[in-house]
């Protein structure tokens, strides 16, 4: 699957520095057979200046039929990488 993204999603601004996004990653084994997916929903807030954010996410790992195999969730923190 060289050059092809298997992650798809969307995001929306909810007001101020708060955003939400949802993405789905399609999972395949080494032979290219679809094995399931990961679905993540996150709410994040940009820090002042916009160089970092903090968020909370929920999601699940799904089997090929869309059944939840493992629920997941937690917190995130990210910081902008500066161009060189």
N, C-alpha and C. Protein backbone atom coordinates (compact mmCIF):
# COMPACT_ATOMS: atom_id res chain seq x y z
N UNK A 1 0.82 -1.18 0.00
CA UNK A 1 0.00 0.00 0.00
C UNK A 1 0.87 1.25 0.00
N UNK A 2 1.99 1.19 -0.66
CA UNK A 2 2.88 2.34 -0.70
C UNK A 2 2.18 3.55 -1.28
N UNK A 3 2.34 4.70 -0.59
CA UNK A 3 1.79 5.95 -1.08
C UNK A 3 0.30 6.12 -0.86
N UNK A 4 -0.35 5.16 -0.22
CA UNK A 4 -1.79 5.25 0.01
C UNK A 4 -2.04 5.33 1.51
N UNK A 5 -2.80 6.31 1.94
CA UNK A 5 -3.13 6.43 3.35
C UNK A 5 -4.32 5.55 3.68
N UNK A 6 -4.22 4.86 4.80
CA UNK A 6 -5.36 4.06 5.26
C UNK A 6 -5.99 4.69 6.50
N UNK A 7 -5.71 6.00 6.70
CA UNK A 7 -6.32 6.74 7.80
C UNK A 7 -7.15 7.87 7.19
N UNK A 8 -8.40 7.95 7.61
CA UNK A 8 -9.32 8.95 7.08
C UNK A 8 -10.02 9.63 8.25
N UNK A 9 -10.29 10.94 8.11
CA UNK A 9 -10.96 11.61 9.21
C UNK A 9 -11.43 12.99 8.87
N UNK A 10 -11.99 13.63 9.88
CA UNK A 10 -12.49 14.98 9.74
C UNK A 10 -12.35 15.70 11.08
N UNK A 11 -12.35 17.02 11.05
CA UNK A 11 -12.27 17.80 12.28
C UNK A 11 -13.17 19.02 12.15
N UNK A 12 -13.52 19.58 13.30
CA UNK A 12 -14.37 20.78 13.32
C UNK A 12 -14.00 21.64 14.52
N UNK A 13 -14.10 22.93 14.33
CA UNK A 13 -13.88 23.87 15.43
C UNK A 13 -15.17 23.98 16.22
N UNK A 14 -15.08 23.87 17.54
CA UNK A 14 -16.26 23.94 18.39
C UNK A 14 -16.39 25.27 19.11
N UNK A 15 -15.48 26.19 18.85
CA UNK A 15 -15.52 27.50 19.48
C UNK A 15 -14.23 27.79 20.21
N UNK A 16 -13.79 29.04 20.14
CA UNK A 16 -12.54 29.41 20.80
C UNK A 16 -11.40 28.57 20.29
N UNK A 17 -10.64 28.00 21.21
CA UNK A 17 -9.49 27.15 20.86
C UNK A 17 -9.82 25.67 20.99
N UNK A 18 -11.10 25.30 20.95
CA UNK A 18 -11.51 23.91 21.12
C UNK A 18 -11.92 23.30 19.77
N UNK A 19 -11.40 22.10 19.52
CA UNK A 19 -11.66 21.38 18.27
C UNK A 19 -12.03 19.93 18.60
N UNK A 20 -12.75 19.29 17.70
CA UNK A 20 -13.03 17.86 17.81
C UNK A 20 -12.62 17.22 16.48
N UNK A 21 -12.18 15.98 16.57
CA UNK A 21 -11.93 15.25 15.33
C UNK A 21 -12.26 13.78 15.53
N UNK A 22 -12.52 13.15 14.40
CA UNK A 22 -12.75 11.71 14.35
C UNK A 22 -11.91 11.17 13.21
N UNK A 23 -11.21 10.05 13.46
CA UNK A 23 -10.54 9.39 12.35
C UNK A 23 -10.70 7.88 12.47
N UNK A 24 -10.60 7.24 11.32
CA UNK A 24 -10.68 5.79 11.23
C UNK A 24 -9.45 5.31 10.49
N UNK A 25 -8.76 4.34 11.07
CA UNK A 25 -7.61 3.72 10.42
C UNK A 25 -8.01 2.31 10.03
N UNK A 26 -7.85 1.98 8.75
CA UNK A 26 -8.12 0.63 8.27
C UNK A 26 -6.88 -0.21 8.49
N UNK A 27 -7.06 -1.44 9.00
CA UNK A 27 -5.94 -2.32 9.34
C UNK A 27 -5.88 -3.51 8.37
N UNK A 28 -4.67 -3.86 7.95
CA UNK A 28 -4.46 -4.96 7.02
C UNK A 28 -3.30 -5.81 7.51
N UNK A 29 -3.34 -7.11 7.21
CA UNK A 29 -2.19 -7.95 7.56
C UNK A 29 -1.13 -7.83 6.47
N UNK A 30 -0.05 -8.58 6.60
CA UNK A 30 1.08 -8.46 5.68
C UNK A 30 0.75 -8.90 4.25
N UNK A 31 -0.35 -9.62 4.07
CA UNK A 31 -0.74 -10.04 2.72
C UNK A 31 -1.80 -9.12 2.12
N UNK A 32 -2.20 -8.07 2.86
CA UNK A 32 -3.17 -7.13 2.35
C UNK A 32 -4.61 -7.44 2.69
N UNK A 33 -4.83 -8.45 3.55
CA UNK A 33 -6.20 -8.81 3.95
C UNK A 33 -6.66 -7.86 5.06
N UNK A 34 -7.87 -7.31 4.90
CA UNK A 34 -8.46 -6.41 5.88
C UNK A 34 -8.69 -7.16 7.19
N UNK A 35 -8.17 -6.62 8.31
CA UNK A 35 -8.29 -7.29 9.61
C UNK A 35 -9.12 -6.51 10.62
N UNK A 36 -9.54 -5.30 10.25
CA UNK A 36 -10.35 -4.51 11.18
C UNK A 36 -10.01 -3.04 11.05
N UNK A 37 -10.33 -2.27 12.09
CA UNK A 37 -10.08 -0.84 12.06
C UNK A 37 -9.95 -0.29 13.46
N UNK A 38 -9.48 0.93 13.53
CA UNK A 38 -9.40 1.69 14.79
C UNK A 38 -10.18 2.97 14.55
N UNK A 39 -11.09 3.30 15.47
CA UNK A 39 -11.87 4.54 15.37
C UNK A 39 -11.57 5.38 16.61
N UNK A 40 -11.17 6.64 16.39
CA UNK A 40 -10.79 7.54 17.49
C UNK A 40 -11.60 8.83 17.37
N UNK A 41 -12.08 9.30 18.52
CA UNK A 41 -12.74 10.61 18.63
C UNK A 41 -11.99 11.39 19.70
N UNK A 42 -11.61 12.63 19.38
CA UNK A 42 -10.85 13.43 20.34
C UNK A 42 -11.40 14.85 20.41
N UNK A 43 -11.36 15.41 21.62
CA UNK A 43 -11.65 16.82 21.85
C UNK A 43 -10.36 17.43 22.36
N UNK A 44 -9.90 18.49 21.71
CA UNK A 44 -8.63 19.09 22.11
C UNK A 44 -8.76 20.59 22.22
N UNK A 45 -7.88 21.16 23.03
CA UNK A 45 -7.84 22.60 23.22
C UNK A 45 -6.42 23.08 22.95
N UNK A 46 -6.30 24.03 22.01
CA UNK A 46 -5.00 24.63 21.72
C UNK A 46 -4.56 25.49 22.89
N UNK A 47 -3.27 25.42 23.22
CA UNK A 47 -2.71 26.32 24.22
C UNK A 47 -2.57 27.71 23.62
N UNK A 48 -2.48 28.76 24.43
CA UNK A 48 -2.28 30.11 23.90
C UNK A 48 -1.09 30.14 22.95
N UNK A 49 -1.26 30.78 21.82
CA UNK A 49 -0.20 30.83 20.80
C UNK A 49 -0.31 29.71 19.78
N UNK A 50 -1.04 28.65 20.09
CA UNK A 50 -1.29 27.58 19.14
C UNK A 50 -0.15 26.63 18.88
N UNK A 51 0.91 26.66 19.69
CA UNK A 51 2.06 25.79 19.44
C UNK A 51 1.93 24.41 20.09
N UNK A 52 0.87 24.19 20.87
CA UNK A 52 0.68 22.89 21.52
C UNK A 52 -0.81 22.72 21.84
N UNK A 53 -1.20 21.48 22.10
CA UNK A 53 -2.58 21.23 22.53
C UNK A 53 -2.64 20.10 23.53
N UNK A 54 -3.76 20.06 24.25
CA UNK A 54 -4.07 18.98 25.20
C UNK A 54 -5.45 18.45 24.83
N UNK A 55 -5.63 17.14 24.94
CA UNK A 55 -6.91 16.58 24.56
C UNK A 55 -7.27 15.33 25.33
N UNK A 56 -8.50 14.90 25.11
CA UNK A 56 -9.04 13.66 25.67
C UNK A 56 -9.65 12.88 24.52
N UNK A 57 -9.34 11.57 24.43
CA UNK A 57 -9.87 10.77 23.33
C UNK A 57 -10.54 9.51 23.84
N UNK A 58 -11.46 9.03 23.03
CA UNK A 58 -12.09 7.72 23.22
C UNK A 58 -12.10 7.02 21.88
N UNK A 59 -12.23 5.73 21.91
CA UNK A 59 -12.27 5.01 20.65
C UNK A 59 -12.38 3.53 20.88
N UNK A 60 -12.18 2.79 19.79
CA UNK A 60 -12.25 1.35 19.87
C UNK A 60 -11.50 0.72 18.71
N UNK A 61 -11.00 -0.48 18.98
CA UNK A 61 -10.44 -1.33 17.94
C UNK A 61 -11.58 -2.26 17.52
N UNK A 62 -11.81 -2.34 16.21
CA UNK A 62 -12.95 -3.10 15.68
C UNK A 62 -12.48 -4.27 14.84
N UNK A 63 -13.23 -5.36 14.86
CA UNK A 63 -12.93 -6.49 13.99
C UNK A 63 -13.45 -6.17 12.58
N UNK A 64 -13.21 -7.04 11.60
CA UNK A 64 -13.65 -6.74 10.23
C UNK A 64 -15.16 -6.53 10.08
N UNK A 65 -15.96 -7.07 10.99
CA UNK A 65 -17.41 -6.91 10.93
C UNK A 65 -17.91 -5.68 11.68
N UNK A 66 -16.98 -4.90 12.27
CA UNK A 66 -17.36 -3.68 12.97
C UNK A 66 -17.68 -3.87 14.44
N UNK A 67 -17.41 -5.06 14.97
CA UNK A 67 -17.64 -5.32 16.39
C UNK A 67 -16.47 -4.79 17.22
N UNK A 68 -16.78 -4.18 18.37
CA UNK A 68 -15.73 -3.66 19.25
C UNK A 68 -14.95 -4.82 19.87
N UNK A 69 -13.64 -4.80 19.67
CA UNK A 69 -12.75 -5.80 20.25
C UNK A 69 -12.13 -5.26 21.53
N UNK A 70 -11.67 -4.00 21.47
CA UNK A 70 -11.04 -3.37 22.62
C UNK A 70 -11.44 -1.89 22.65
N UNK A 71 -12.06 -1.43 23.75
CA UNK A 71 -12.28 0.01 23.89
C UNK A 71 -10.98 0.68 24.34
N UNK A 72 -10.73 1.89 23.87
CA UNK A 72 -9.52 2.61 24.23
C UNK A 72 -9.86 4.05 24.58
N UNK A 73 -8.95 4.71 25.27
CA UNK A 73 -9.15 6.12 25.61
C UNK A 73 -7.99 6.63 26.43
N UNK A 74 -7.93 7.93 26.56
CA UNK A 74 -6.87 8.52 27.34
C UNK A 74 -6.74 10.00 27.07
N UNK A 75 -5.59 10.54 27.39
CA UNK A 75 -5.31 11.95 27.18
C UNK A 75 -4.15 12.10 26.22
N UNK A 76 -4.08 13.28 25.59
CA UNK A 76 -3.00 13.55 24.65
C UNK A 76 -2.40 14.93 24.92
N UNK A 77 -1.18 15.08 24.51
CA UNK A 77 -0.50 16.38 24.49
C UNK A 77 0.39 16.35 23.27
N UNK A 78 0.37 17.42 22.48
CA UNK A 78 1.22 17.49 21.30
C UNK A 78 1.79 18.89 21.20
N UNK A 79 2.98 18.99 20.64
CA UNK A 79 3.64 20.27 20.41
C UNK A 79 4.05 20.37 18.96
N UNK A 80 3.92 21.56 18.42
CA UNK A 80 4.25 21.80 17.02
C UNK A 80 5.73 21.50 16.76
N UNK A 81 6.00 20.89 15.61
CA UNK A 81 7.37 20.69 15.14
C UNK A 81 7.68 21.85 14.20
N UNK A 82 8.76 22.54 14.44
CA UNK A 82 9.13 23.67 13.60
C UNK A 82 9.79 23.20 12.32
N UNK A 83 9.48 23.87 11.21
CA UNK A 83 10.10 23.56 9.93
C UNK A 83 11.58 23.91 9.98
N UNK A 84 12.37 23.09 9.35
CA UNK A 84 13.83 23.33 9.30
C UNK A 84 14.27 23.66 7.89
